[in-house]
Amino acid sequence: MDAFNANYRPGADKLRVVDKHGNIVLDEHGADGGSYNRPEIDRGPL
């Protein structure tokens, strides 16, 4: 876990749901930081 915490990408789990025209209908990039804990790491570093 120490190695993971040193290599994961904070904020990379933030999601934008958009329609086919690129209009945002749900945005997790707000100030609340989102309610989901899905820490992301690239396959190479893992």
All heavy atoms as atom14 arrays in JSON, in Angstrom:
{
  "sequence": "MDAFNANYRPGADKLRVVDKHGNIVLDEHGADGGSYNRPEIDRGPL",
  "atom14_mask": [
    [1, 1, 1, 1, 1, 1, 1, 1, 0, 0, 0, 0, 0, 0],
    [1, 1, 1, 1, 1, 1, 1, 1, 0, 0, 0, 0, 0, 0],
    [1, 1, 1, 1, 1, 0, 0, 0, 0, 0, 0, 0, 0, 0],
    [1, 1, 1, 1, 1, 1, 1, 1, 1, 1, 1, 0, 0, 0],
    [1, 1, 1, 1, 1, 1, 1, 1, 0, 0, 0, 0, 0, 0],
    [1, 1, 1, 1, 1, 0, 0, 0, 0, 0, 0, 0, 0, 0],
    [1, 1, 1, 1, 1, 1, 1, 1, 0, 0, 0, 0, 0, 0],
    [1, 1, 1, 1, 1, 1, 1, 1, 1, 1, 1, 1, 0, 0],
    [1, 1, 1, 1, 1, 1, 1, 1, 1, 1, 1, 0, 0, 0],
    [1, 1, 1, 1, 1, 1, 1, 0, 0, 0, 0, 0, 0, 0],
    [1, 1, 1, 1, 0, 0, 0, 0, 0, 0, 0, 0, 0, 0],
    [1, 1, 1, 1, 1, 0, 0, 0, 0, 0, 0, 0, 0, 0],
    [1, 1, 1, 1, 1, 1, 1, 1, 0, 0, 0, 0, 0, 0],
    [1, 1, 1, 1, 1, 1, 1, 1, 1, 0, 0, 0, 0, 0],
    [1, 1, 1, 1, 1, 1, 1, 1, 0, 0, 0, 0, 0, 0],
    [1, 1, 1, 1, 1, 1, 1, 1, 1, 1, 1, 0, 0, 0],
    [1, 1, 1, 1, 1, 1, 1, 0, 0, 0, 0, 0, 0, 0],
    [1, 1, 1, 1, 1, 1, 1, 0, 0, 0, 0, 0, 0, 0],
    [1, 1, 1, 1, 1, 1, 1, 1, 0, 0, 0, 0, 0, 0],
    [1, 1, 1, 1, 1, 1, 1, 1, 1, 0, 0, 0, 0, 0],
    [1, 1, 1, 1, 1, 1, 1, 1, 1, 1, 0, 0, 0, 0],
    [1, 1, 1, 1, 0, 0, 0, 0, 0, 0, 0, 0, 0, 0],
    [1, 1, 1, 1, 1, 1, 1, 1, 0, 0, 0, 0, 0, 0],
    [1, 1, 1, 1, 1, 1, 1, 1, 0, 0, 0, 0, 0, 0],
    [1, 1, 1, 1, 1, 1, 1, 0, 0, 0, 0, 0, 0, 0],
    [1, 1, 1, 1, 1, 1, 1, 1, 0, 0, 0, 0, 0, 0],
    [1, 1, 1, 1, 1, 1, 1, 1, 0, 0, 0, 0, 0, 0],
    [1, 1, 1, 1, 1, 1, 1, 1, 1, 0, 0, 0, 0, 0],
    [1, 1, 1, 1, 1, 1, 1, 1, 1, 1, 0, 0, 0, 0],
    [1, 1, 1, 1, 0, 0, 0, 0, 0, 0, 0, 0, 0, 0],
    [1, 1, 1, 1, 1, 0, 0, 0, 0, 0, 0, 0, 0, 0],
    [1, 1, 1, 1, 1, 1, 1, 1, 0, 0, 0, 0, 0, 0],
    [1, 1, 1, 1, 0, 0, 0, 0, 0, 0, 0, 0, 0, 0],
    [1, 1, 1, 1, 0, 0, 0, 0, 0, 0, 0, 0, 0, 0],
    [1, 1, 1, 1, 1, 1, 0, 0, 0, 0, 0, 0, 0, 0],
    [1, 1, 1, 1, 1, 1, 1, 1, 1, 1, 1, 1, 0, 0],
    [1, 1, 1, 1, 1, 1, 1, 1, 0, 0, 0, 0, 0, 0],
    [1, 1, 1, 1, 1, 1, 1, 1, 1, 1, 1, 0, 0, 0],
    [1, 1, 1, 1, 1, 1, 1, 0, 0, 0, 0, 0, 0, 0],
    [1, 1, 1, 1, 1, 1, 1, 1, 1, 0, 0, 0, 0, 0],
    [1, 1, 1, 1, 1, 1, 1, 1, 0, 0, 0, 0, 0, 0],
    [1, 1, 1, 1, 1, 1, 1, 1, 0, 0, 0, 0, 0, 0],
    [1, 1, 1, 1, 1, 1, 1, 1, 1, 1, 1, 0, 0, 0],
    [1, 1, 1, 1, 0, 0, 0, 0, 0, 0, 0, 0, 0, 0],
    [1, 1, 1, 1, 1, 1, 1, 0, 0, 0, 0, 0, 0, 0],
    [1, 1, 1, 1, 1, 1, 1, 1, 0, 0, 0, 0, 0, 0]
  ],
  "atom14_positions": [
    [[0.81, -1.22, 0.0], [0.0, 0.0, 0.0], [0.84, 1.27, 0.0], [0.45, 2.28, -0.59], [-0.96, 0.0, 1.18], [-2.18, -0.88, 0.96], [-3.14, -0.47, -0.54], [-3.65, 1.2, -0.16], [0.0, 0.0, 0.0], [0.0, 0.0, 0.0], [0.0, 0.0, 0.0], [0.0, 0.0, 0.0], [0.0, 0.0, 0.0], [0.0, 0.0, 0.0]],
    [[2.0, 1.25, 0.65], [2.86, 2.43, 0.61], [3.3, 2.73, -0.81], [3.3, 3.88, -1.26], [4.08, 2.25, 1.52], [3.73, 2.34, 3.0], [2.62, 2.81, 3.32], [4.56, 1.94, 3.83], [0.0, 0.0, 0.0], [0.0, 0.0, 0.0], [0.0, 0.0, 0.0], [0.0, 0.0, 0.0], [0.0, 0.0, 0.0], [0.0, 0.0, 0.0]],
    [[3.68, 1.69, -1.53], [4.09, 1.86, -2.92], [2.91, 2.33, -3.78], [3.07, 3.19, -4.66], [4.65, 0.56, -3.48], [0.0, 0.0, 0.0], [0.0, 0.0, 0.0], [0.0, 0.0, 0.0], [0.0, 0.0, 0.0], [0.0, 0.0, 0.0], [0.0, 0.0, 0.0], [0.0, 0.0, 0.0], [0.0, 0.0, 0.0], [0.0, 0.0, 0.0]],
    [[1.73, 1.78, -3.51], [0.55, 2.22, -4.25], [0.26, 3.69, -3.99], [0.02, 4.47, -4.93], [-0.67, 1.37, -3.86], [-1.95, 1.87, -4.47], [-2.28, 1.55, -5.78], [-2.82, 2.67, -3.73], [-3.46, 2.02, -6.35], [-4.0, 3.14, -4.3], [-4.32, 2.81, -5.61], [0.0, 0.0, 0.0], [0.0, 0.0, 0.0], [0.0, 0.0, 0.0]],
    [[0.29, 4.09, -2.73], [0.0, 5.49, -2.39], [1.0, 6.46, -2.99], [0.68, 7.62, -3.23], [-0.04, 5.65, -0.87], [-1.26, 5.0, -0.24], [-2.32, 4.93, -0.86], [-1.12, 4.5, 0.98], [0.0, 0.0, 0.0], [0.0, 0.0, 0.0], [0.0, 0.0, 0.0], [0.0, 0.0, 0.0], [0.0, 0.0, 0.0], [0.0, 0.0, 0.0]],
    [[2.2, 5.97, -3.27], [3.22, 6.84, -3.88], [3.07, 6.91, -5.4], [3.7, 7.76, -6.04], [4.61, 6.31, -3.53], [0.0, 0.0, 0.0], [0.0, 0.0, 0.0], [0.0, 0.0, 0.0], [0.0, 0.0, 0.0], [0.0, 0.0, 0.0], [0.0, 0.0, 0.0], [0.0, 0.0, 0.0], [0.0, 0.0, 0.0], [0.0, 0.0, 0.0]],
    [[2.21, 6.06, -5.98], [2.14, 5.98, -7.43], [0.74, 6.19, -8.02], [0.62, 6.35, -9.24], [2.66, 4.62, -7.91], [4.16, 4.52, -7.85], [4.87, 4.9, -8.77], [4.67, 3.99, -6.74], [0.0, 0.0, 0.0], [0.0, 0.0, 0.0], [0.0, 0.0, 0.0], [0.0, 0.0, 0.0], [0.0, 0.0, 0.0], [0.0, 0.0, 0.0]],
    [[-0.29, 6.2, -7.18], [-1.63, 6.36, -7.77], [-1.85, 7.81, -8.16], [-1.07, 8.7, -7.8], [-2.7, 5.84, -6.82], [-3.21, 6.83, -5.79], [-4.44, 7.47, -5.97], [-2.48, 7.12, -4.63], [-4.91, 8.38, -5.02], [-2.95, 8.02, -3.7], [-4.17, 8.64, -3.89], [-4.63, 9.54, -2.96], [0.0, 0.0, 0.0], [0.0, 0.0, 0.0]],
    [[-2.9, 8.07, -8.93], [-3.14, 9.39, -9.49], [-4.35, 10.04, -8.84], [-5.49, 9.77, -9.24], [-3.34, 9.29, -11.01], [-2.1, 8.8, -11.76], [-2.42, 8.55, -13.22], [-3.08, 9.7, -13.82], [-4.07, 9.63, -14.69], [-4.54, 8.46, -15.08], [-4.62, 10.72, -15.18], [0.0, 0.0, 0.0], [0.0, 0.0, 0.0], [0.0, 0.0, 0.0]],
    [[-4.14, 10.88, -7.82], [-5.27, 11.55, -7.17], [-6.1, 12.35, -8.18], [-5.55, 13.09, -9.0], [-4.6, 12.48, -6.15], [-3.27, 11.85, -5.89], [-2.85, 11.24, -7.21], [0.0, 0.0, 0.0], [0.0, 0.0, 0.0], [0.0, 0.0, 0.0], [0.0, 0.0, 0.0], [0.0, 0.0, 0.0], [0.0, 0.0, 0.0], [0.0, 0.0, 0.0]],
    [[-7.39, 12.17, -8.12], [-8.28, 12.9, -9.03], [-8.57, 12.2, -10.33], [-9.49, 12.59, -11.05], [0.0, 0.0, 0.0], [0.0, 0.0, 0.0], [0.0, 0.0, 0.0], [0.0, 0.0, 0.0], [0.0, 0.0, 0.0], [0.0, 0.0, 0.0], [0.0, 0.0, 0.0], [0.0, 0.0, 0.0], [0.0, 0.0, 0.0], [0.0, 0.0, 0.0]],
    [[-7.79, 11.17, -10.66], [-8.0, 10.48, -11.93], [-9.29, 9.67, -11.94], [-9.75, 9.25, -13.0], [-6.82, 9.55, -12.23], [0.0, 0.0, 0.0], [0.0, 0.0, 0.0], [0.0, 0.0, 0.0], [0.0, 0.0, 0.0], [0.0, 0.0, 0.0], [0.0, 0.0, 0.0], [0.0, 0.0, 0.0], [0.0, 0.0, 0.0], [0.0, 0.0, 0.0]],
    [[-9.89, 9.47, -10.76], [-11.16, 8.75, -10.71], [-12.35, 9.67, -10.95], [-13.5, 9.2, -11.03], [-11.32, 8.06, -9.35], [-11.23, 9.03, -8.18], [-10.57, 10.08, -8.33], [-11.8, 8.74, -7.12], [0.0, 0.0, 0.0], [0.0, 0.0, 0.0], [0.0, 0.0, 0.0], [0.0, 0.0, 0.0], [0.0, 0.0, 0.0], [0.0, 0.0, 0.0]],
    [[-12.1, 10.98, -11.07], [-13.2, 11.92, -11.28], [-13.81, 11.72, -12.66], [-13.11, 11.63, -13.66], [-12.7, 13.35, -11.12], [-12.15, 13.68, -9.73], [-13.23, 13.56, -8.67], [-12.69, 13.86, -7.28], [-12.22, 15.23, -7.14], [0.0, 0.0, 0.0], [0.0, 0.0, 0.0], [0.0, 0.0, 0.0], [0.0, 0.0, 0.0], [0.0, 0.0, 0.0]],
    [[-15.13, 11.68, -12.67], [-15.86, 11.3, -13.88], [-16.73, 12.44, -14.38], [-17.32, 13.17, -13.59], [-16.74, 10.09, -13.56], [-17.71, 9.6, -14.62], [-16.95, 9.01, -15.79], [-18.67, 8.58, -14.02], [0.0, 0.0, 0.0], [0.0, 0.0, 0.0], [0.0, 0.0, 0.0], [0.0, 0.0, 0.0], [0.0, 0.0, 0.0], [0.0, 0.0, 0.0]],
    [[-16.78, 12.57, -15.7], [-17.77, 13.44, -16.32], [-18.64, 12.58, -17.23], [-18.13, 11.9, -18.12], [-17.1, 14.55, -17.13], [-16.67, 15.73, -16.26], [-15.98, 16.81, -17.03], [-15.83, 18.01, -16.21], [-14.95, 18.98, -16.43], [-14.13, 18.89, -17.48], [-14.9, 20.02, -15.64], [0.0, 0.0, 0.0], [0.0, 0.0, 0.0], [0.0, 0.0, 0.0]],
    [[-19.94, 12.59, -16.99], [-20.9, 11.94, -17.85], [-21.46, 12.99, -18.8], [-21.91, 14.05, -18.35], [-22.04, 11.29, -17.04], [-23.06, 10.65, -17.98], [-21.48, 10.26, -16.07], [0.0, 0.0, 0.0], [0.0, 0.0, 0.0], [0.0, 0.0, 0.0], [0.0, 0.0, 0.0], [0.0, 0.0, 0.0], [0.0, 0.0, 0.0], [0.0, 0.0, 0.0]],
    [[-21.38, 12.7, -20.09], [-21.8, 13.69, -21.09], [-22.72, 13.03, -22.11], [-22.74, 11.8, -22.25], [-20.59, 14.32, -21.82], [-19.59, 14.89, -20.82], [-19.89, 13.31, -22.72], [0.0, 0.0, 0.0], [0.0, 0.0, 0.0], [0.0, 0.0, 0.0], [0.0, 0.0, 0.0], [0.0, 0.0, 0.0], [0.0, 0.0, 0.0], [0.0, 0.0, 0.0]],
    [[-23.47, 13.88, -22.82], [-24.29, 13.34, -23.89], [-23.46, 13.25, -25.17], [-22.27, 13.57, -25.18], [-25.55, 14.18, -24.09], [-25.28, 15.61, -24.55], [-24.17, 15.9, -25.06], [-26.18, 16.46, -24.41], [0.0, 0.0, 0.0], [0.0, 0.0, 0.0], [0.0, 0.0, 0.0], [0.0, 0.0, 0.0], [0.0, 0.0, 0.0], [0.0, 0.0, 0.0]],
    [[-24.08, 12.82, -26.25], [-23.34, 12.58, -27.49], [-22.79, 13.86, -28.11], [-21.91, 13.81, -28.98], [-24.22, 11.85, -28.5], [-25.46, 12.61, -28.94], [-26.34, 11.75, -29.82], [-27.59, 12.49, -30.27], [-28.47, 11.62, -31.11], [0.0, 0.0, 0.0], [0.0, 0.0, 0.0], [0.0, 0.0, 0.0], [0.0, 0.0, 0.0], [0.0, 0.0, 0.0]],
    [[-23.26, 15.01, -27.63], [-22.76, 16.29, -28.13], [-21.68, 16.89, -27.23], [-21.19, 17.99, -27.5], [-23.92, 17.28, -28.27], [-25.02, 16.79, -29.15], [-24.83, 16.5, -30.48], [-26.32, 16.52, -28.87], [-25.98, 16.08, -31.0], [-26.89, 16.07, -30.04], [0.0, 0.0, 0.0], [0.0, 0.0, 0.0], [0.0, 0.0, 0.0], [0.0, 0.0, 0.0]],
    [[-21.32, 16.16, -26.18], [-20.28, 16.64, -25.27], [-20.79, 17.54, -24.17], [-20.0, 18.12, -23.43], [0.0, 0.0, 0.0], [0.0, 0.0, 0.0], [0.0, 0.0, 0.0], [0.0, 0.0, 0.0], [0.0, 0.0, 0.0], [0.0, 0.0, 0.0], [0.0, 0.0, 0.0], [0.0, 0.0, 0.0], [0.0, 0.0, 0.0], [0.0, 0.0, 0.0]],
    [[-22.09, 17.64, -24.02], [-22.67, 18.45, -22.94], [-22.61, 17.68, -21.63], [-23.05, 16.52, -21.55], [-24.12, 18.81, -23.26], [-24.25, 19.61, -24.54], [-23.56, 20.6, -24.74], [-25.15, 19.17, -25.42], [0.0, 0.0, 0.0], [0.0, 0.0, 0.0], [0.0, 0.0, 0.0], [0.0, 0.0, 0.0], [0.0, 0.0, 0.0], [0.0, 0.0, 0.0]],
    [[-22.09, 18.3, -20.59], [-21.92, 17.64, -19.3], [-23.26, 17.54, -18.58], [-23.95, 18.53, -18.39], [-20.9, 18.41, -18.42], [-19.53, 18.45, -19.11], [-20.79, 17.76, -17.05], [-18.51, 19.34, -18.4], [0.0, 0.0, 0.0], [0.0, 0.0, 0.0], [0.0, 0.0, 0.0], [0.0, 0.0, 0.0], [0.0, 0.0, 0.0], [0.0, 0.0, 0.0]],
    [[-23.6, 16.31, -18.19], [-24.84, 16.1, -17.44], [-24.56, 15.65, -16.0], [-25.45, 15.7, -15.15], [-25.76, 15.09, -18.14], [-26.21, 15.63, -19.48], [-25.09, 13.74, -18.31], [0.0, 0.0, 0.0], [0.0, 0.0, 0.0], [0.0, 0.0, 0.0], [0.0, 0.0, 0.0], [0.0, 0.0, 0.0], [0.0, 0.0, 0.0], [0.0, 0.0, 0.0]],
    [[-23.35, 15.21, -15.72], [-22.93, 14.89, -14.36], [-21.43, 15.14, -14.27], [-20.67, 14.69, -15.13], [-23.25, 13.43, -14.02], [-22.95, 12.96, -12.59], [-23.98, 11.91, -12.15], [-21.54, 12.38, -12.46], [0.0, 0.0, 0.0], [0.0, 0.0, 0.0], [0.0, 0.0, 0.0], [0.0, 0.0, 0.0], [0.0, 0.0, 0.0], [0.0, 0.0, 0.0]],
    [[-21.02, 15.85, -13.22], [-19.61, 16.25, -13.1], [-19.11, 16.0, -11.69], [-19.63, 16.58, -10.73], [-19.48, 17.74, -13.45], [-18.04, 18.17, -13.67], [-17.13, 17.37, -13.37], [-17.82, 19.29, -14.14], [0.0, 0.0, 0.0], [0.0, 0.0, 0.0], [0.0, 0.0, 0.0], [0.0, 0.0, 0.0], [0.0, 0.0, 0.0], [0.0, 0.0, 0.0]],
    [[-18.12, 15.12, -11.57], [-17.53, 14.83, -10.26], [-16.33, 15.72, -9.94], [-15.68, 15.53, -8.93], [-17.09, 13.36, -10.19], [-18.23, 12.38, -10.11], [-17.75, 10.99, -9.8], [-16.58, 10.67, -10.06], [-18.56, 10.2, -9.28], [0.0, 0.0, 0.0], [0.0, 0.0, 0.0], [0.0, 0.0, 0.0], [0.0, 0.0, 0.0], [0.0, 0.0, 0.0]],
    [[-16.07, 16.7, -10.79], [-14.9, 17.56, -10.57], [-15.23, 18.75, -9.68], [-14.46, 19.7, -9.62], [-14.36, 18.06, -11.92], [-13.7, 16.99, -12.73], [-12.36, 16.74, -12.71], [-14.23, 16.06, -13.58], [-12.08, 15.74, -13.52], [-13.19, 15.31, -14.06], [0.0, 0.0, 0.0], [0.0, 0.0, 0.0], [0.0, 0.0, 0.0], [0.0, 0.0, 0.0]],
    [[-16.34, 18.7, -9.0], [-16.74, 19.8, -8.13], [-15.92, 19.88, -6.87], [-15.1, 19.03, -6.56], [0.0, 0.0, 0.0], [0.0, 0.0, 0.0], [0.0, 0.0, 0.0], [0.0, 0.0, 0.0], [0.0, 0.0, 0.0], [0.0, 0.0, 0.0], [0.0, 0.0, 0.0], [0.0, 0.0, 0.0], [0.0, 0.0, 0.0], [0.0, 0.0, 0.0]],
    [[-16.21, 20.9, -6.08], [-15.43, 21.18, -4.87], [-15.61, 20.12, -3.79], [-14.77, 19.99, -2.91], [-15.82, 22.55, -4.31], [0.0, 0.0, 0.0], [0.0, 0.0, 0.0], [0.0, 0.0, 0.0], [0.0, 0.0, 0.0], [0.0, 0.0, 0.0], [0.0, 0.0, 0.0], [0.0, 0.0, 0.0], [0.0, 0.0, 0.0], [0.0, 0.0, 0.0]],
    [[-16.73, 19.35, -3.86], [-16.96, 18.37, -2.8], [-16.05, 17.17, -2.89], [-15.96, 16.37, -1.97], [-18.41, 17.91, -2.81], [-18.78, 17.14, -4.08], [-17.95, 17.08, -5.0], [-19.91, 16.62, -4.14], [0.0, 0.0, 0.0], [0.0, 0.0, 0.0], [0.0, 0.0, 0.0], [0.0, 0.0, 0.0], [0.0, 0.0, 0.0], [0.0, 0.0, 0.0]],
    [[-15.34, 17.06, -4.0], [-14.38, 15.96, -4.16], [-14.99, 14.64, -4.5], [-14.3, 13.65, -4.66], [0.0, 0.0, 0.0], [0.0, 0.0, 0.0], [0.0, 0.0, 0.0], [0.0, 0.0, 0.0], [0.0, 0.0, 0.0], [0.0, 0.0, 0.0], [0.0, 0.0, 0.0], [0.0, 0.0, 0.0], [0.0, 0.0, 0.0], [0.0, 0.0, 0.0]],
    [[-16.32, 14.6, -4.62], [-16.97, 13.33, -4.99], [-17.15, 12.43, -3.79], [-16.48, 12.55, -2.77], [0.0, 0.0, 0.0], [0.0, 0.0, 0.0], [0.0, 0.0, 0.0], [0.0, 0.0, 0.0], [0.0, 0.0, 0.0], [0.0, 0.0, 0.0], [0.0, 0.0, 0.0], [0.0, 0.0, 0.0], [0.0, 0.0, 0.0], [0.0, 0.0, 0.0]],
    [[-18.07, 11.5, -3.89], [-18.4, 10.63, -2.77], [-17.89, 9.21, -2.95], [-18.18, 8.34, -2.15], [-19.92, 10.6, -2.57], [-20.55, 10.14, -3.76], [0.0, 0.0, 0.0], [0.0, 0.0, 0.0], [0.0, 0.0, 0.0], [0.0, 0.0, 0.0], [0.0, 0.0, 0.0], [0.0, 0.0, 0.0], [0.0, 0.0, 0.0], [0.0, 0.0, 0.0]],
    [[-17.14, 8.97, -4.03], [-16.68, 7.62, -4.33], [-15.18, 7.51, -4.11], [-14.42, 8.43, -4.44], [-17.02, 7.24, -5.76], [-18.51, 7.23, -6.03], [-19.16, 8.37, -6.47], [-19.25, 6.07, -5.82], [-20.54, 8.36, -6.69], [-20.61, 6.05, -6.05], [-21.25, 7.2, -6.47], [-22.6, 7.2, -6.7], [0.0, 0.0, 0.0], [0.0, 0.0, 0.0]],
    [[-14.76, 6.39, -3.55], [-13.34, 6.15, -3.36], [-12.89, 5.1, -4.37], [-13.03, 3.91, -4.15], [-13.07, 5.66, -1.94], [-11.59, 5.42, -1.7], [-10.74, 6.01, -2.37], [-11.26, 4.55, -0.78], [0.0, 0.0, 0.0], [0.0, 0.0, 0.0], [0.0, 0.0, 0.0], [0.0, 0.0, 0.0], [0.0, 0.0, 0.0], [0.0, 0.0, 0.0]],
    [[-12.39, 5.57, -5.51], [-11.95, 4.68, -6.58], [-10.55, 5.1, -7.02], [-10.37, 5.59, -8.14], [-12.92, 4.74, -7.77], [-14.37, 4.49, -7.44], [-15.22, 4.47, -8.72], [-15.1, 5.72, -9.46], [-15.96, 6.73, -9.36], [-16.98, 6.64, -8.54], [-15.8, 7.82, -10.07], [0.0, 0.0, 0.0], [0.0, 0.0, 0.0], [0.0, 0.0, 0.0]],
    [[-9.55, 4.96, -6.17], [-8.22, 5.45, -6.54], [-7.7, 4.78, -7.81], [-7.75, 3.57, -7.94], [-7.36, 5.09, -5.33], [-8.11, 4.04, -4.6], [-9.56, 4.31, -4.86], [0.0, 0.0, 0.0], [0.0, 0.0, 0.0], [0.0, 0.0, 0.0], [0.0, 0.0, 0.0], [0.0, 0.0, 0.0], [0.0, 0.0, 0.0], [0.0, 0.0, 0.0]],
    [[-7.22, 5.61, -8.72], [-6.77, 5.14, -10.04], [-5.25, 5.05, -10.09], [-4.54, 5.92, -9.56], [-7.26, 6.1, -11.12], [-8.77, 6.22, -11.23], [-9.33, 5.37, -12.35], [-8.53, 4.86, -13.16], [-10.56, 5.25, -12.42], [0.0, 0.0, 0.0], [0.0, 0.0, 0.0], [0.0, 0.0, 0.0], [0.0, 0.0, 0.0], [0.0, 0.0, 0.0]],
    [[-4.79, 4.02, -10.78], [-3.36, 3.89, -11.04], [-3.2, 3.37, -12.46], [-3.98, 2.53, -12.92], [-2.69, 2.95, -10.01], [-1.16, 2.95, -10.19], [-3.25, 1.54, -10.08], [-0.42, 2.26, -9.04], [0.0, 0.0, 0.0], [0.0, 0.0, 0.0], [0.0, 0.0, 0.0], [0.0, 0.0, 0.0], [0.0, 0.0, 0.0], [0.0, 0.0, 0.0]],
    [[-2.21, 3.88, -13.17], [-1.96, 3.38, -14.51], [-1.42, 1.96, -14.44], [-0.78, 1.56, -13.47], [-0.94, 4.28, -15.23], [-1.52, 5.62, -15.65], [-2.76, 5.77, -15.55], [-0.76, 6.51, -16.06], [0.0, 0.0, 0.0], [0.0, 0.0, 0.0], [0.0, 0.0, 0.0], [0.0, 0.0, 0.0], [0.0, 0.0, 0.0], [0.0, 0.0, 0.0]],
    [[-1.68, 1.2, -15.49], [-1.27, -0.2, -15.5], [0.24, -0.37, -15.39], [0.73, -1.3, -14.74], [-1.78, -0.87, -16.78], [-3.3, -0.98, -16.84], [-3.79, -1.43, -18.2], [-5.24, -1.41, -18.28], [-6.03, -2.46, -18.04], [-5.47, -3.62, -17.73], [-7.34, -2.36, -18.12], [0.0, 0.0, 0.0], [0.0, 0.0, 0.0], [0.0, 0.0, 0.0]],
    [[0.98, 0.52, -16.05], [2.44, 0.43, -16.02], [3.01, 0.54, -14.62], [3.77, -0.32, -14.16], [0.0, 0.0, 0.0], [0.0, 0.0, 0.0], [0.0, 0.0, 0.0], [0.0, 0.0, 0.0], [0.0, 0.0, 0.0], [0.0, 0.0, 0.0], [0.0, 0.0, 0.0], [0.0, 0.0, 0.0], [0.0, 0.0, 0.0], [0.0, 0.0, 0.0]],
    [[2.66, 1.62, -13.88], [3.15, 1.74, -12.5], [2.7, 0.61, -11.59], [3.47, 0.17, -10.73], [2.56, 3.09, -12.05], [2.45, 3.88, -13.32], [2.07, 2.88, -14.37], [0.0, 0.0, 0.0], [0.0, 0.0, 0.0], [0.0, 0.0, 0.0], [0.0, 0.0, 0.0], [0.0, 0.0, 0.0], [0.0, 0.0, 0.0], [0.0, 0.0, 0.0]],
    [[1.47, 0.12, -11.77], [1.02, -0.99, -10.93], [1.87, -2.23, -11.21], [2.29, -2.94, -10.29], [-0.46, -1.3, -11.19], [-1.03, -2.5, -10.43], [-0.92, -2.3, -8.92], [-2.48, -2.77, -10.82], [0.0, 0.0, 0.0], [0.0, 0.0, 0.0], [0.0, 0.0, 0.0], [0.0, 0.0, 0.0], [0.0, 0.0, 0.0], [0.0, 0.0, 0.0]]
  ]
}
